Amino acid sequence: MPQRRGALPISDAEVLDCPDTYARGVPYDRLERLRARTPVVWLDGRLSDVPGAWAVLRYEDVRHALAHPGLFTPEHDDGLHATPAEPPSGEAARIDMDPPAGAMLDRMPDGAPVDFMADVVTGLPEMLRDTLAGGVHALLRHPGQYERLRERRTDDGLLDSAVEEMLRWWTPVIQVWRTMRRGTVIGGVPLLAGERVALWLASANHDEAVFTEPGRFVPDRFRSVPLGGTPNRAARRRLREQRVRPHLCFGYGERACLGAALARVHLRALLVALLDRPGRVRPAGEPVLLRSNARHGFERLPVRWTG
């Protein structure tokens, strides 16, 4: 693929394209630089053993692409964010919509180190395991916010917002792929019919143009601002402008992820169980991240419950 306007030298793009990069975490600093300089960049795929694609990194561009599936067509193997022709048979039946989160936490005996991935959320689907582990990791990395949530655990609005912030902060699916049905321009870069496009959800959800201090876990970031009783139209407009845009963890629009409600139910249930149980979950060793530029998850997440 010849490099056209918007492409960076391959040595820069390789950082995003190489799965080994993600064993050290999503390179948010590199993504921030690329969003500012070249928000649509060509990745040739040779280090990730996938076909080359244009990586779309800014929130507004990713959301636009997700909202136009007739132009940015989901690929057949993109089961997470594409709506299948037939409803998934038995998906809800296999996964309890009233999840026994307390029973999961019982797999963490007081004081004994366990691997959250292998011992606590074992048996759950891959994406759901990554989502729950990301939520726990958010608490482990932000003990002050963890304590604040414990103190205010009866505040349903705060808990709902914390779930959304966990999803934004962690974003278990790093990118999803689309194919151009016809030519268009996005981020100043002309895309041709038939070209492959990678929509970087992890980059969009950490776009500082949309989310203030995106690297921080802020539990009340998504708390709604009530408009009732606001004295005048100008004040109501200002309040609306203060509302945070929705994250793109599960995509956007008519082809958003079918498992979104399921993931939210499980993550909220786990959060409530963590906050209600006496004691705290603590790190019990260094986590081992997946070597993947598609899934944001852990090979191992050692934790310990302390009373």
C-alpha atoms as a PDB file:
ATOM      1  CA  MET A   1       0.000   0.000   0.000  1.00  0.00           C
ATOM      2  CA  PRO A   2       1.604   3.342  -1.013  1.00  0.00           C
ATOM      3  CA  GLN A   3       1.728   5.897   1.778  1.00  0.00           C
ATOM      4  CA  ARG A   4      -0.717   8.699   1.067  1.00  0.00           C
ATOM      5  CA  ARG A   5      -1.407  11.944   2.877  1.00  0.00           C
ATOM      6  CA  GLY A   6      -1.902  11.158   6.567  1.00  0.00           C
ATOM      7  CA  ALA A   7       0.483   8.193   6.773  1.00  0.00           C
ATOM      8  CA  LEU A   8       3.504   8.236   9.111  1.00  0.00           C
ATOM      9  CA  PRO A   9       6.822   6.464   8.510  1.00  0.00           C
ATOM     10  CA  ILE A  10       6.405   2.770   9.141  1.00  0.00           C
ATOM     11  CA  SER A  11       8.828   2.866  12.085  1.00  0.00           C
ATOM     12  CA  ASP A  12       6.319   5.006  14.006  1.00  0.00           C
ATOM     13  CA  ALA A  13       3.280   2.979  12.992  1.00  0.00           C
ATOM     14  CA  GLU A  14       4.945  -0.296  14.016  1.00  0.00           C
ATOM     15  CA  VAL A  15       4.533   0.652  17.679  1.00  0.00           C
ATOM     16  CA  LEU A  16       0.751   0.392  17.350  1.00  0.00           C
ATOM     17  CA  ASP A  17       0.810  -2.576  15.010  1.00  0.00           C
ATOM     18  CA  CYS A  18       3.015  -4.866  17.118  1.00  0.00           C
ATOM     19  CA  PRO A  19       1.185  -7.108  19.629  1.00  0.00           C
ATOM     20  CA  ASP A  20       4.278  -7.185  21.868  1.00  0.00           C
ATOM     21  CA  THR A  21       3.737  -3.477  22.571  1.00  0.00           C
ATOM     22  CA  TYR A  22       0.573  -4.287  24.518  1.00  0.00           C
ATOM     23  CA  ALA A  23       2.330  -6.528  27.006  1.00  0.00           C
ATOM     24  CA  ARG A  24       3.388  -3.190  28.535  1.00  0.00           C
ATOM     25  CA  GLY A  25      -0.064  -1.657  28.203  1.00  0.00           C
ATOM     26  CA  VAL A  26      -1.923   0.323  25.561  1.00  0.00           C
ATOM     27  CA  PRO A  27       0.502   3.044  24.354  1.00  0.00           C
ATOM     28  CA  TYR A  28      -1.763   5.976  25.222  1.00  0.00           C
ATOM     29  CA  ASP A  29       1.088   8.467  24.992  1.00  0.00           C
ATOM     30  CA  ARG A  30       1.792   7.446  21.391  1.00  0.00           C
ATOM     31  CA  LEU A  31      -1.913   7.527  20.561  1.00  0.00           C
ATOM     32  CA  GLU A  32      -2.190  11.035  21.990  1.00  0.00           C
ATOM     33  CA  ARG A  33       0.656  12.235  19.790  1.00  0.00           C
ATOM     34  CA  LEU A  34      -0.831  10.593  16.706  1.00  0.00           C
ATOM     35  CA  ARG A  35      -4.291  12.056  17.342  1.00  0.00           C
ATOM     36  CA  ALA A  36      -2.745  15.526  17.385  1.00  0.00           C
ATOM     37  CA  ARG A  37      -0.528  15.055  14.303  1.00  0.00           C
ATOM     38  CA  THR A  38      -1.963  12.285  12.130  1.00  0.00           C
ATOM     39  CA  PRO A  39      -5.317  11.007  13.417  1.00  0.00           C
ATOM     40  CA  VAL A  40      -5.663   8.540  10.501  1.00  0.00           C
ATOM     41  CA  VAL A  41      -2.522   6.486   9.900  1.00  0.00           C
ATOM     42  CA  TRP A  42      -1.660   3.479   7.722  1.00  0.00           C
ATOM     43  CA  LEU A  43      -0.632   0.265   9.533  1.00  0.00           C
ATOM     44  CA  ASP A  44       0.731  -2.358   7.170  1.00  0.00           C
ATOM     45  CA  GLY A  45      -0.112  -5.315   9.444  1.00  0.00           C
ATOM     46  CA  ARG A  46       3.127  -7.223   8.898  1.00  0.00           C
ATOM     47  CA  LEU A  47       3.964  -7.339  12.627  1.00  0.00           C
ATOM     48  CA  SER A  48       0.457  -8.381  13.657  1.00  0.00           C
ATOM     49  CA  ASP A  49      -0.051 -10.907  10.848  1.00  0.00           C
ATOM     50  CA  VAL A  50      -3.257  -9.235   9.631  1.00  0.00           C
ATOM     51  CA  PRO A  51      -4.023  -7.290   6.442  1.00  0.00           C
ATOM     52  CA  GLY A  52      -3.055  -3.623   6.425  1.00  0.00           C
ATOM     53  CA  ALA A  53      -5.597  -1.028   7.522  1.00  0.00           C
ATOM     54  CA  TRP A  54      -6.065   2.680   8.084  1.00  0.00           C
ATOM     55  CA  ALA A  55      -6.159   3.277  11.852  1.00  0.00           C
ATOM     56  CA  VAL A  56      -8.753   5.888  12.853  1.00  0.00           C
ATOM     57  CA  LEU A  57      -7.832   7.344  16.238  1.00  0.00           C
ATOM     58  CA  ARG A  58      -9.951  10.397  17.129  1.00  0.00           C
ATOM     59  CA  TYR A  59     -13.240  10.108  18.997  1.00  0.00           C
ATOM     60  CA  GLU A  60     -15.261  12.133  16.484  1.00  0.00           C
ATOM     61  CA  ASP A  61     -13.960  10.148  13.509  1.00  0.00           C
ATOM     62  CA  VAL A  62     -14.445   6.761  15.204  1.00  0.00           C
ATOM     63  CA  ARG A  63     -17.977   7.665  16.252  1.00  0.00           C
ATOM     64  CA  HIS A  64     -18.788   8.891  12.735  1.00  0.00           C
ATOM     65  CA  ALA A  65     -17.574   5.621  11.238  1.00  0.00           C
ATOM     66  CA  LEU A  66     -19.523   3.527  13.745  1.00  0.00           C
ATOM     67  CA  ALA A  67     -22.667   5.549  13.027  1.00  0.00           C
ATOM     68  CA  HIS A  68     -22.445   4.818   9.268  1.00  0.00           C
ATOM     69  CA  PRO A  69     -22.253   1.026   8.860  1.00  0.00           C
ATOM     70  CA  GLY A  70     -23.499   1.337   5.285  1.00  0.00           C
ATOM     71  CA  LEU A  71     -20.235   3.098   4.425  1.00  0.00           C
ATOM     72  CA  PHE A  72     -17.879   1.514   6.986  1.00  0.00           C
ATOM     73  CA  THR A  73     -19.041  -2.083   6.655  1.00  0.00           C
ATOM     74  CA  PRO A  74     -18.382  -4.492   9.550  1.00  0.00           C
ATOM     75  CA  GLU A  75     -16.251  -7.466   8.647  1.00  0.00           C
ATOM     76  CA  HIS A  76     -17.668 -10.975   8.875  1.00  0.00           C
ATOM     77  CA  ASP A  77     -15.281 -11.961  11.678  1.00  0.00           C
ATOM     78  CA  ASP A  78     -16.110  -8.880  13.760  1.00  0.00           C
ATOM     79  CA  GLY A  79     -18.597 -10.630  16.032  1.00  0.00           C
ATOM     80  CA  LEU A  80     -18.276  -8.228  18.928  1.00  0.00           C
ATOM     81  CA  HIS A  81     -19.653  -5.053  17.385  1.00  0.00           C
ATOM     82  CA  ALA A  82     -21.527  -6.415  14.401  1.00  0.00           C
ATOM     83  CA  THR A  83     -25.183  -7.410  14.571  1.00  0.00           C
ATOM     84  CA  PRO A  84     -25.567 -10.988  13.282  1.00  0.00           C
ATOM     85  CA  ALA A  85     -28.302 -11.868  10.824  1.00  0.00           C
ATOM     86  CA  GLU A  86     -29.862 -14.148  13.445  1.00  0.00           C
ATOM     87  CA  PRO A  87     -30.123 -13.362  17.185  1.00  0.00           C
ATOM     88  CA  PRO A  88     -27.489 -15.258  19.182  1.00  0.00           C
ATOM     89  CA  SER A  89     -28.990 -18.549  20.244  1.00  0.00           C
ATOM     90  CA  GLY A  90     -29.020 -18.893  24.024  1.00  0.00           C
ATOM     91  CA  GLU A  91     -26.526 -16.030  24.756  1.00  0.00           C
ATOM     92  CA  ALA A  92     -28.660 -14.713  27.652  1.00  0.00           C
ATOM     93  CA  ALA A  93     -29.420 -18.297  28.741  1.00  0.00           C
ATOM     94  CA  ARG A  94     -25.739 -19.160  29.072  1.00  0.00           C
ATOM     95  CA  ILE A  95     -24.909 -16.033  31.110  1.00  0.00           C
ATOM     96  CA  ASP A  96     -27.010 -15.141  34.138  1.00  0.00           C
ATOM     97  CA  MET A  97     -28.502 -11.649  33.862  1.00  0.00           C
ATOM     98  CA  ASP A  98     -28.642 -11.644  37.666  1.00  0.00           C
ATOM     99  CA  PRO A  99     -25.021 -12.664  38.129  1.00  0.00           C
ATOM    100  CA  PRO A 100     -23.909 -14.357  41.371  1.00  0.00           C
ATOM    101  CA  ALA A 101     -21.098 -11.866  41.963  1.00  0.00           C
ATOM    102  CA  GLY A 102     -20.935 -12.733  45.654  1.00  0.00           C
ATOM    103  CA  ALA A 103     -20.241 -16.366  44.773  1.00  0.00           C
ATOM    104  CA  MET A 104     -17.422 -15.233  42.479  1.00  0.00           C
ATOM    105  CA  LEU A 105     -15.850 -13.256  45.303  1.00  0.00           C
ATOM    106  CA  ASP A 106     -16.075 -16.324  47.537  1.00  0.00           C
ATOM    107  CA  ARG A 107     -13.383 -17.754  45.273  1.00  0.00           C
ATOM    108  CA  MET A 108     -11.036 -15.210  46.918  1.00  0.00           C
ATOM    109  CA  PRO A 109     -10.434 -16.572  50.426  1.00  0.00           C
ATOM    110  CA  ASP A 110      -9.141 -14.052  52.960  1.00  0.00           C
ATOM    111  CA  GLY A 111      -5.403 -13.544  52.695  1.00  0.00           C
ATOM    112  CA  ALA A 112      -4.698 -16.133  50.003  1.00  0.00           C
ATOM    113  CA  PRO A 113      -3.369 -14.912  46.623  1.00  0.00           C
ATOM    114  CA  VAL A 114      -5.421 -15.949  43.603  1.00  0.00           C
ATOM    115  CA  ASP A 115      -5.349 -15.224  39.893  1.00  0.00           C
ATOM    116  CA  PHE A 116      -8.472 -13.198  39.155  1.00  0.00           C
ATOM    117  CA  MET A 117      -8.529 -14.512  35.568  1.00  0.00           C
ATOM    118  CA  ALA A 118      -8.048 -18.215  36.266  1.00  0.00           C
ATOM    119  CA  ASP A 119      -9.697 -18.523  39.678  1.00  0.00           C
ATOM    120  CA  VAL A 120     -12.443 -15.877  39.945  1.00  0.00           C
ATOM    121  CA  VAL A 121     -13.953 -15.181  36.517  1.00  0.00           C
ATOM    122  CA  THR A 122     -13.135 -18.528  34.967  1.00  0.00           C
ATOM    123  CA  GLY A 123     -15.871 -19.918  32.720  1.00  0.00           C
ATOM    124  CA  LEU A 124     -17.150 -16.544  31.527  1.00  0.00           C
ATOM    125  CA  PRO A 125     -16.828 -15.414  27.901  1.00  0.00           C
ATOM    126  CA  GLU A 126     -13.537 -13.802  26.956  1.00  0.00           C
ATOM    127  CA  MET A 127     -14.754 -10.220  26.547  1.00  0.00           C
ATOM    128  CA  LEU A 128     -16.711 -10.346  29.798  1.00  0.00           C
ATOM    129  CA  ARG A 129     -13.676 -11.658  31.705  1.00  0.00           C
ATOM    130  CA  ASP A 130     -11.574  -8.808  30.289  1.00  0.00           C
ATOM    131  CA  THR A 131     -14.254  -6.280  31.251  1.00  0.00           C
ATOM    132  CA  LEU A 132     -14.533  -7.457  34.859  1.00  0.00           C
ATOM    133  CA  ALA A 133     -10.762  -7.672  35.262  1.00  0.00           C
ATOM    134  CA  GLY A 134     -10.420  -4.137  33.900  1.00  0.00           C
ATOM    135  CA  GLY A 135     -12.926  -2.885  36.466  1.00  0.00           C
ATOM    136  CA  VAL A 136     -11.001  -4.512  39.314  1.00  0.00           C
ATOM    137  CA  HIS A 137      -7.733  -3.154  37.930  1.00  0.00           C
ATOM    138  CA  ALA A 138      -9.220   0.370  37.944  1.00  0.00           C
ATOM    139  CA  LEU A 139      -9.858   0.040  41.682  1.00  0.00           C
ATOM    140  CA  LEU A 140      -6.413  -1.423  42.355  1.00  0.00           C
ATOM    141  CA  ARG A 141      -4.730   1.441  40.468  1.00  0.00           C
ATOM    142  CA  HIS A 142      -6.853   4.120  42.182  1.00  0.00           C
ATOM    143  CA  PRO A 143      -7.148   3.176  45.879  1.00  0.00           C
ATOM    144  CA  GLY A 144      -8.425   6.649  46.842  1.00  0.00           C
ATOM    145  CA  GLN A 145     -11.355   6.333  44.461  1.00  0.00           C
ATOM    146  CA  TYR A 146     -11.920   2.750  45.643  1.00  0.00           C
ATOM    147  CA  GLU A 147     -12.269   4.023  49.205  1.00  0.00           C
ATOM    148  CA  ARG A 148     -14.562   6.837  48.087  1.00  0.00           C
ATOM    149  CA  LEU A 149     -16.829   4.360  46.326  1.00  0.00           C
ATOM    150  CA  ARG A 150     -16.940   2.203  49.466  1.00  0.00           C
ATOM    151  CA  GLU A 151     -17.990   5.208  51.539  1.00  0.00           C
ATOM    152  CA  ARG A 152     -20.740   6.084  49.065  1.00  0.00           C
ATOM    153  CA  ARG A 153     -21.773   2.603  48.012  1.00  0.00           C
ATOM    154  CA  THR A 154     -25.488   3.339  48.507  1.00  0.00           C
ATOM    155  CA  ASP A 155     -25.336   6.128  45.893  1.00  0.00           C
ATOM    156  CA  ASP A 156     -26.814   4.406  42.836  1.00  0.00           C
ATOM    157  CA  GLY A 157     -26.061   7.318  40.528  1.00  0.00           C
ATOM    158  CA  LEU A 158     -22.392   7.225  41.466  1.00  0.00           C
ATOM    159  CA  LEU A 159     -22.197   3.449  40.995  1.00  0.00           C
ATOM    160  CA  ASP A 160     -23.827   3.659  37.561  1.00  0.00           C
ATOM    161  CA  SER A 161     -21.348   6.361  36.559  1.00  0.00           C
ATOM    162  CA  ALA A 162     -18.423   4.342  37.956  1.00  0.00           C
ATOM    163  CA  VAL A 163     -19.394   1.376  35.768  1.00  0.00           C
ATOM    164  CA  GLU A 164     -19.354   3.576  32.660  1.00  0.00           C
ATOM    165  CA  GLU A 165     -16.029   5.080  33.690  1.00  0.00           C
ATOM    166  CA  MET A 166     -14.526   1.618  34.203  1.00  0.00           C
ATOM    167  CA  LEU A 167     -15.625   0.710  30.687  1.00  0.00           C
ATOM    168  CA  ARG A 168     -14.169   3.923  29.219  1.00  0.00           C
ATOM    169  CA  TRP A 169     -10.932   3.802  31.207  1.00  0.00           C
ATOM    170  CA  TRP A 170     -10.200   0.144  30.435  1.00  0.00           C
ATOM    171  CA  THR A 171     -11.958  -0.443  27.049  1.00  0.00           C
ATOM    172  CA  PRO A 172     -11.632  -4.239  26.704  1.00  0.00           C
ATOM    173  CA  VAL A 173     -11.753  -4.196  22.874  1.00  0.00           C
ATOM    174  CA  ILE A 174      -8.899  -2.073  21.554  1.00  0.00           C
ATOM    175  CA  GLN A 175     -10.036  -1.844  17.937  1.00  0.00           C
ATOM    176  CA  VAL A 176     -12.653  -3.153  15.528  1.00  0.00           C
ATOM    177  CA  TRP A 177     -12.342  -3.497  11.774  1.00  0.00           C
ATOM    178  CA  ARG A 178     -14.433  -2.182   8.910  1.00  0.00           C
ATOM    179  CA  THR A 179     -14.202  -2.277   5.104  1.00  0.00           C
ATOM    180  CA  MET A 180     -14.944   0.769   2.979  1.00  0.00           C
ATOM    181  CA  ARG A 181     -17.971   0.232   0.775  1.00  0.00           C
ATOM    182  CA  ARG A 182     -17.177   3.345  -1.231  1.00  0.00           C
ATOM    183  CA  GLY A 183     -14.650   6.159  -1.105  1.00  0.00           C
ATOM    184  CA  THR A 184     -14.802   8.932   1.475  1.00  0.00           C
ATOM    185  CA  VAL A 185     -12.544  11.287   3.431  1.00  0.00           C
ATOM    186  CA  ILE A 186     -12.058  11.004   7.184  1.00  0.00           C
ATOM    187  CA  GLY A 187      -9.577  12.884   9.323  1.00  0.00           C
ATOM    188  CA  GLY A 188      -8.334  14.609   6.173  1.00  0.00           C
ATOM    189  CA  VAL A 189      -7.323  11.281   4.586  1.00  0.00           C
ATOM    190  CA  PRO A 190      -9.034   9.941   1.434  1.00  0.00           C
ATOM    191  CA  LEU A 191     -10.114   6.317   1.857  1.00  0.00           C
ATOM    192  CA  LEU A 192     -10.883   4.138  -1.161  1.00  0.00           C
ATOM    193  CA  ALA A 193     -13.598   1.540  -1.679  1.00  0.00           C
ATOM    194  CA  GLY A 194     -12.407  -1.870  -0.504  1.00  0.00           C
ATOM    195  CA  GLU A 195      -9.759  -0.535   1.876  1.00  0.00           C
ATOM    196  CA  ARG A 196      -9.668  -1.852   5.417  1.00  0.00           C
ATOM    197  CA  VAL A 197     -10.177   0.495   8.382  1.00  0.00           C
ATOM    198  CA  ALA A 198      -9.397  -0.119  12.068  1.00  0.00           C
ATOM    199  CA  LEU A 199     -11.530   1.937  14.463  1.00  0.00           C
ATOM    200  CA  TRP A 200      -9.496   2.406  17.642  1.00  0.00           C
ATOM    201  CA  LEU A 201     -12.012   2.381  20.490  1.00  0.00           C
ATOM    202  CA  ALA A 202      -9.235   2.566  23.089  1.00  0.00           C
ATOM    203  CA  SER A 203      -7.860   5.718  21.474  1.00  0.00           C
ATOM    204  CA  ALA A 204     -11.288   7.336  21.083  1.00  0.00           C
ATOM    205  CA  ASN A 205     -12.113   6.677  24.739  1.00  0.00           C
ATOM    206  CA  HIS A 206      -8.887   8.429  25.796  1.00  0.00           C
ATOM    207  CA  ASP A 207      -9.261  11.388  23.465  1.00  0.00           C
ATOM    208  CA  GLU A 208      -8.431  14.458  25.566  1.00  0.00           C
ATOM    209  CA  ALA A 209     -10.555  16.616  23.245  1.00  0.00           C
ATOM    210  CA  VAL A 210     -13.615  14.803  24.625  1.00  0.00           C
ATOM    211  CA  PHE A 211     -12.635  13.421  28.048  1.00  0.00           C
ATOM    212  CA  THR A 212     -10.786  15.681  30.486  1.00  0.00           C
ATOM    213  CA  GLU A 213      -7.673  13.956  31.893  1.00  0.00           C
ATOM    214  CA  PRO A 214      -8.573  10.690  30.160  1.00  0.00           C
ATOM    215  CA  GLY A 215      -5.875   8.687  31.931  1.00  0.00           C
ATOM    216  CA  ARG A 216      -7.526   9.247  35.320  1.00  0.00           C
ATOM    217  CA  PHE A 217     -10.269   6.965  36.624  1.00  0.00           C
ATOM    218  CA  VAL A 218     -12.991   9.400  37.741  1.00  0.00           C
ATOM    219  CA  PRO A 219     -16.024   7.467  39.061  1.00  0.00           C
ATOM    220  CA  ASP A 220     -18.510  10.329  38.760  1.00  0.00           C
ATOM    221  CA  ARG A 221     -17.412  11.377  35.248  1.00  0.00           C
ATOM    222  CA  PHE A 222     -20.636  10.057  33.673  1.00  0.00           C
ATOM    223  CA  ARG A 223     -23.006  11.203  36.394  1.00  0.00           C
ATOM    224  CA  SER A 224     -25.975  12.983  34.794  1.00  0.00           C
ATOM    225  CA  VAL A 225     -26.411  16.674  35.372  1.00  0.00           C
ATOM    226  CA  PRO A 226     -30.090  17.356  36.267  1.00  0.00           C
ATOM    227  CA  LEU A 227     -31.688  20.077  34.158  1.00  0.00           C
ATOM    228  CA  GLY A 228     -34.929  20.385  36.096  1.00  0.00           C
ATOM    229  CA  GLY A 229     -35.259  23.663  37.968  1.00  0.00           C
ATOM    230  CA  THR A 230     -32.475  25.341  36.010  1.00  0.00           C
ATOM    231  CA  PRO A 231     -33.562  28.985  35.843  1.00  0.00           C
ATOM    232  CA  ASN A 232     -33.068  29.946  32.185  1.00  0.00           C
ATOM    233  CA  ARG A 233     -32.303  28.649  28.718  1.00  0.00           C
ATOM    234  CA  ALA A 234     -28.670  29.810  28.705  1.00  0.00           C
ATOM    235  CA  ALA A 235     -27.988  28.035  31.995  1.00  0.00           C
ATOM    236  CA  ARG A 236     -29.611  24.842  30.697  1.00  0.00           C
ATOM    237  CA  ARG A 237     -27.436  25.027  27.572  1.00  0.00           C
ATOM    238  CA  ARG A 238     -24.300  25.384  29.694  1.00  0.00           C
ATOM    239  CA  LEU A 239     -25.303  22.348  31.748  1.00  0.00           C
ATOM    240  CA  ARG A 240     -25.877  20.302  28.605  1.00  0.00           C
ATOM    241  CA  GLU A 241     -22.433  21.283  27.351  1.00  0.00           C
ATOM    242  CA  GLN A 242     -20.932  20.034  30.626  1.00  0.00           C
ATOM    243  CA  ARG A 243     -22.352  16.568  30.089  1.00  0.00           C
ATOM    244  CA  VAL A 244     -19.741  14.059  29.043  1.00  0.00           C
ATOM    245  CA  ARG A 245     -20.065  12.410  25.648  1.00  0.00           C
ATOM    246  CA  PRO A 246     -20.827   8.679  25.743  1.00  0.00           C
ATOM    247  CA  HIS A 247     -17.838   6.364  25.587  1.00  0.00           C
ATOM    248  CA  LEU A 248     -17.478   4.031  22.603  1.00  0.00           C
ATOM    249  CA  CYS A 249     -16.540   0.873  24.497  1.00  0.00           C
ATOM    250  CA  PHE A 250     -19.365  -1.087  22.853  1.00  0.00           C
ATOM    251  CA  GLY A 251     -19.433   0.783  19.579  1.00  0.00           C
ATOM    252  CA  TYR A 252     -22.175   3.226  18.678  1.00  0.00           C
ATOM    253  CA  GLY A 253     -25.454   3.334  16.795  1.00  0.00           C
ATOM    254  CA  GLU A 254     -27.470   0.512  15.333  1.00  0.00           C
ATOM    255  CA  ARG A 255     -24.580  -1.946  15.247  1.00  0.00           C
ATOM    256  CA  ALA A 256     -23.448  -1.462  18.828  1.00  0.00           C
ATOM    257  CA  CYS A 257     -22.363  -4.578  20.713  1.00  0.00           C
ATOM    258  CA  LEU A 258     -25.186  -6.973  21.575  1.00  0.00           C
ATOM    259  CA  GLY A 259     -23.429  -7.889  24.823  1.00  0.00           C
ATOM    260  CA  ALA A 260     -23.317  -4.336  26.188  1.00  0.00           C
ATOM    261  CA  ALA A 261     -26.227  -4.733  28.607  1.00  0.00           C
ATOM    262  CA  LEU A 262     -24.845  -8.058  29.772  1.00  0.00           C
ATOM    263  CA  ALA A 263     -21.402  -6.602  30.465  1.00  0.00           C
ATOM    264  CA  ARG A 264     -22.874  -3.647  32.373  1.00  0.00           C
ATOM    265  CA  VAL A 265     -25.032  -5.910  34.541  1.00  0.00           C
ATOM    266  CA  HIS A 266     -22.081  -8.138  35.444  1.00  0.00           C
ATOM    267  CA  LEU A 267     -19.692  -5.255  36.051  1.00  0.00           C
ATOM    268  CA  ARG A 268     -22.149  -3.409  38.299  1.00  0.00           C
ATOM    269  CA  ALA A 269     -22.940  -6.570  40.246  1.00  0.00           C
ATOM    270  CA  LEU A 270     -19.232  -7.208  40.775  1.00  0.00           C
ATOM    271  CA  LEU A 271     -18.632  -3.610  41.865  1.00  0.00           C
ATOM    272  CA  VAL A 272     -21.481  -3.747  44.392  1.00  0.00           C
ATOM    273  CA  ALA A 273     -20.231  -7.078  45.772  1.00  0.00           C
ATOM    274  CA  LEU A 274     -16.686  -5.704  46.098  1.00  0.00           C
ATOM    275  CA  LEU A 275     -17.912  -2.623  47.958  1.00  0.00           C
ATOM    276  CA  ASP A 276     -20.297  -4.518  50.252  1.00  0.00           C
ATOM    277  CA  ARG A 277     -17.909  -7.266  51.321  1.00  0.00           C
ATOM    278  CA  PRO A 278     -15.863  -6.424  54.429  1.00  0.00           C
ATOM    279  CA  GLY A 279     -12.242  -5.869  53.535  1.00  0.00           C
ATOM    280  CA  ARG A 280     -10.504  -4.909  50.296  1.00  0.00           C
ATOM    281  CA  VAL A 281      -9.139  -6.512  47.164  1.00  0.00           C
ATOM    282  CA  ARG A 282      -5.396  -5.849  46.931  1.00  0.00           C
ATOM    283  CA  PRO A 283      -2.654  -6.583  44.381  1.00  0.00           C
ATOM    284  CA  ALA A 284      -0.791  -9.832  45.052  1.00  0.00           C
ATOM    285  CA  GLY A 285       1.894  -9.520  42.394  1.00  0.00           C
ATOM    286  CA  GLU A 286       2.568  -7.994  39.003  1.00  0.00           C
ATOM    287  CA  PRO A 287      -0.229  -8.418  36.455  1.00  0.00           C
ATOM    288  CA  VAL A 288       0.621  -9.950  33.077  1.00  0.00           C
ATOM    289  CA  LEU A 289      -1.151  -8.291  30.166  1.00  0.00           C
ATOM    290  CA  LEU A 290      -2.166  -9.989  26.945  1.00  0.00           C
ATOM    291  CA  ARG A 291       0.130  -9.579  23.947  1.00  0.00           C
ATOM    292  CA  SER A 292      -2.687  -8.401  21.711  1.00  0.00           C
ATOM    293  CA  ASN A 293      -3.570  -5.251  19.816  1.00  0.00           C
ATOM    294  CA  ALA A 294      -7.210  -6.343  19.674  1.00  0.00           C
ATOM    295  CA  ARG A 295      -8.093  -7.499  23.203  1.00  0.00           C
ATOM    296  CA  HIS A 296      -7.256  -5.461  26.295  1.00  0.00           C
ATOM    297  CA  GLY A 297      -7.014  -8.040  29.033  1.00  0.00           C
ATOM    298  CA  PHE A 298      -4.749 -10.062  31.280  1.00  0.00           C
ATOM    299  CA  GLU A 299      -3.000 -13.369  31.110  1.00  0.00           C
ATOM    300  CA  ARG A 300      -2.793 -13.180  34.914  1.00  0.00           C
ATOM    301  CA  LEU A 301      -4.105 -10.703  37.467  1.00  0.00           C
ATOM    302  CA  PRO A 302      -2.843 -11.723  40.940  1.00  0.00           C
ATOM    303  CA  VAL A 303      -5.049 -10.392  43.750  1.00  0.00           C
ATOM    304  CA  ARG A 304      -5.601 -10.992  47.438  1.00  0.00           C
ATOM    305  CA  TRP A 305      -8.548 -10.273  49.703  1.00  0.00           C
ATOM    306  CA  THR A 306      -7.661  -8.648  53.036  1.00  0.00           C
ATOM    307  CA  GLY A 307     -10.208  -8.226  55.806  1.00  0.00           C
END
